[in-house]
Structure formats: C-alpha cells, structure tokens
Amino acid sequence: MKTPLIIFGVLIAGFIVFNLFLQTDNERIDTAINIIYASILFGYISFMAFSLLKKMKK
C-alpha cells in the first residue's frame, strides 16, 4: 500500500506546483487543466479505495 500513496503524493505535489508556478496567461486553459487534473486525482483515490476494499475482502 506504500507505492500507491507515494504516487498519490507526487500527483498532489504536481497539482500544487502547477497552481503556484506553472500557470499560463489564459485563465480558461488553467481552469480546464485544473478540472482535468482534479478528475485524475479523484479517479486515483477511487482506485486506491477499490484496491483496499478488494484486499480487505480476501
């Protein structure tokens, strides 16, 4: 369970770095990138939860 948490930490760090340092001049593009990135993060959270529930069932 340690590797998925490290990957999740890297994803969160990438999200923070983008929002603090790597924003573009166009606000609409920034919003679209934030929405896509947040969707990926929530999808990964659901994948981790599903994996955990699958391991607990065994």
N, C-alpha and C. Protein backbone atom coordinates (compact mmCIF):
# COMPACT_ATOMS: atom_id res chain seq x y z
N MET A 1 0.84 -1.20 0.00
CA MET A 1 0.00 0.00 0.00
C MET A 1 0.87 1.25 0.00
N LYS A 2 2.16 1.07 0.16
CA LYS A 2 3.04 2.23 0.24
C LYS A 2 3.23 2.90 -1.13
N THR A 3 3.38 2.12 -2.18
CA THR A 3 3.62 2.67 -3.52
C THR A 3 2.46 3.54 -4.01
N PRO A 4 1.19 3.11 -3.87
CA PRO A 4 0.10 3.99 -4.31
C PRO A 4 0.04 5.32 -3.55
N LEU A 5 0.43 5.29 -2.28
CA LEU A 5 0.43 6.54 -1.51
C LEU A 5 1.54 7.47 -1.97
N ILE A 6 2.67 6.92 -2.37
CA ILE A 6 3.76 7.74 -2.90
C ILE A 6 3.33 8.36 -4.23
N ILE A 7 2.69 7.56 -5.08
CA ILE A 7 2.20 8.09 -6.36
C ILE A 7 1.18 9.19 -6.12
N PHE A 8 0.29 8.98 -5.15
CA PHE A 8 -0.72 9.99 -4.83
C PHE A 8 -0.05 11.27 -4.33
N GLY A 9 0.97 11.14 -3.51
CA GLY A 9 1.71 12.31 -3.02
C GLY A 9 2.37 13.08 -4.15
N VAL A 10 2.92 12.36 -5.13
CA VAL A 10 3.53 13.01 -6.28
C VAL A 10 2.48 13.74 -7.11
N LEU A 11 1.31 13.12 -7.28
CA LEU A 11 0.22 13.78 -8.01
C LEU A 11 -0.23 15.06 -7.31
N ILE A 12 -0.37 15.01 -5.99
CA ILE A 12 -0.77 16.20 -5.22
C ILE A 12 0.31 17.27 -5.33
N ALA A 13 1.58 16.88 -5.23
CA ALA A 13 2.67 17.86 -5.35
C ALA A 13 2.67 18.50 -6.74
N GLY A 14 2.42 17.71 -7.78
CA GLY A 14 2.33 18.26 -9.13
C GLY A 14 1.19 19.24 -9.27
N PHE A 15 0.07 18.94 -8.65
CA PHE A 15 -1.09 19.85 -8.68
C PHE A 15 -0.75 21.17 -8.01
N ILE A 16 -0.08 21.11 -6.86
CA ILE A 16 0.29 22.33 -6.14
C ILE A 16 1.32 23.13 -6.92
N VAL A 17 2.31 22.44 -7.48
CA VAL A 17 3.34 23.14 -8.26
C VAL A 17 2.73 23.83 -9.47
N PHE A 18 1.80 23.16 -10.15
CA PHE A 18 1.17 23.79 -11.30
C PHE A 18 0.42 25.05 -10.89
N ASN A 19 -0.34 24.96 -9.81
CA ASN A 19 -1.15 26.11 -9.40
C ASN A 19 -0.32 27.26 -8.86
N LEU A 20 0.86 26.98 -8.33
CA LEU A 20 1.68 28.06 -7.79
C LEU A 20 2.64 28.65 -8.82
N PHE A 21 3.22 27.81 -9.69
CA PHE A 21 4.32 28.29 -10.53
C PHE A 21 4.09 28.18 -12.04
N LEU A 22 3.32 27.24 -12.50
CA LEU A 22 3.27 26.93 -13.92
C LEU A 22 2.00 27.37 -14.63
N GLN A 23 1.29 28.33 -14.11
CA GLN A 23 0.05 28.76 -14.74
C GLN A 23 0.33 29.52 -16.03
N THR A 24 -0.61 29.40 -16.96
CA THR A 24 -0.50 30.11 -18.23
C THR A 24 -1.19 31.46 -18.11
N ASP A 25 -1.10 32.24 -19.19
CA ASP A 25 -1.74 33.55 -19.19
C ASP A 25 -3.25 33.46 -19.40
N ASN A 26 -3.70 32.38 -20.01
CA ASN A 26 -5.11 32.22 -20.30
C ASN A 26 -5.80 31.53 -19.12
N GLU A 27 -6.78 32.20 -18.54
CA GLU A 27 -7.47 31.67 -17.37
C GLU A 27 -8.34 30.46 -17.71
N ARG A 28 -8.89 30.45 -18.92
CA ARG A 28 -9.74 29.32 -19.32
C ARG A 28 -8.94 28.04 -19.44
N ILE A 29 -7.72 28.12 -19.95
CA ILE A 29 -6.87 26.94 -20.07
C ILE A 29 -6.47 26.44 -18.68
N ASP A 30 -6.15 27.37 -17.77
CA ASP A 30 -5.81 26.98 -16.40
C ASP A 30 -6.97 26.26 -15.72
N THR A 31 -8.17 26.76 -15.93
CA THR A 31 -9.34 26.13 -15.34
C THR A 31 -9.55 24.74 -15.91
N ALA A 32 -9.39 24.59 -17.21
CA ALA A 32 -9.55 23.28 -17.84
C ALA A 32 -8.50 22.29 -17.32
N ILE A 33 -7.25 22.74 -17.20
CA ILE A 33 -6.19 21.87 -16.69
C ILE A 33 -6.48 21.48 -15.24
N ASN A 34 -6.94 22.42 -14.43
CA ASN A 34 -7.28 22.12 -13.03
C ASN A 34 -8.41 21.10 -12.94
N ILE A 35 -9.42 21.23 -13.78
CA ILE A 35 -10.54 20.29 -13.76
C ILE A 35 -10.08 18.90 -14.17
N ILE A 36 -9.26 18.81 -15.22
CA ILE A 36 -8.76 17.51 -15.67
C ILE A 36 -7.86 16.88 -14.61
N TYR A 37 -6.99 17.68 -14.03
CA TYR A 37 -6.07 17.16 -13.00
C TYR A 37 -6.84 16.70 -11.77
N ALA A 38 -7.85 17.47 -11.36
CA ALA A 38 -8.66 17.06 -10.21
C ALA A 38 -9.42 15.78 -10.52
N SER A 39 -9.90 15.62 -11.73
CA SER A 39 -10.59 14.39 -12.11
C SER A 39 -9.65 13.19 -12.02
N ILE A 40 -8.42 13.37 -12.46
CA ILE A 40 -7.43 12.29 -12.36
C ILE A 40 -7.16 11.95 -10.89
N LEU A 41 -7.04 12.99 -10.06
CA LEU A 41 -6.80 12.75 -8.63
C LEU A 41 -7.95 11.99 -7.98
N PHE A 42 -9.19 12.39 -8.25
CA PHE A 42 -10.34 11.70 -7.67
C PHE A 42 -10.46 10.28 -8.21
N GLY A 43 -10.13 10.09 -9.48
CA GLY A 43 -10.13 8.75 -10.04
C GLY A 43 -9.10 7.86 -9.37
N TYR A 44 -7.94 8.42 -9.09
CA TYR A 44 -6.90 7.64 -8.42
C TYR A 44 -7.30 7.32 -6.98
N ILE A 45 -7.96 8.26 -6.31
CA ILE A 45 -8.46 7.99 -4.96
C ILE A 45 -9.45 6.84 -4.98
N SER A 46 -10.35 6.85 -5.96
CA SER A 46 -11.34 5.76 -6.04
C SER A 46 -10.66 4.43 -6.37
N PHE A 47 -9.62 4.46 -7.20
CA PHE A 47 -8.86 3.24 -7.50
C PHE A 47 -8.20 2.70 -6.24
N MET A 48 -7.60 3.59 -5.43
CA MET A 48 -6.96 3.13 -4.19
C MET A 48 -8.00 2.55 -3.23
N ALA A 49 -9.16 3.19 -3.13
CA ALA A 49 -10.21 2.68 -2.24
C ALA A 49 -10.71 1.33 -2.72
N PHE A 50 -10.91 1.18 -4.02
CA PHE A 50 -11.36 -0.09 -4.57
C PHE A 50 -10.33 -1.19 -4.30
N SER A 51 -9.06 -0.87 -4.48
CA SER A 51 -8.00 -1.85 -4.23
C SER A 51 -7.96 -2.25 -2.76
N LEU A 52 -8.13 -1.28 -1.88
CA LEU A 52 -8.13 -1.56 -0.45
C LEU A 52 -9.31 -2.44 -0.06
N LEU A 53 -10.49 -2.13 -0.58
CA LEU A 53 -11.66 -2.96 -0.28
C LEU A 53 -11.51 -4.37 -0.83
N LYS A 54 -10.88 -4.49 -1.99
CA LYS A 54 -10.65 -5.81 -2.57
C LYS A 54 -9.69 -6.62 -1.70
N LYS A 55 -8.65 -5.97 -1.16
CA LYS A 55 -7.72 -6.67 -0.28
C LYS A 55 -8.36 -7.04 1.04
N MET A 56 -9.25 -6.19 1.55
CA MET A 56 -9.90 -6.48 2.83
C MET A 56 -10.89 -7.64 2.70
N LYS A 57 -11.45 -7.81 1.51
CA LYS A 57 -12.44 -8.87 1.31
C LYS A 57 -11.79 -10.26 1.36
N LYS A 58 -10.52 -10.34 0.97
CA LYS A 58 -9.83 -11.64 0.96
C LYS A 58 -9.54 -12.18 2.30
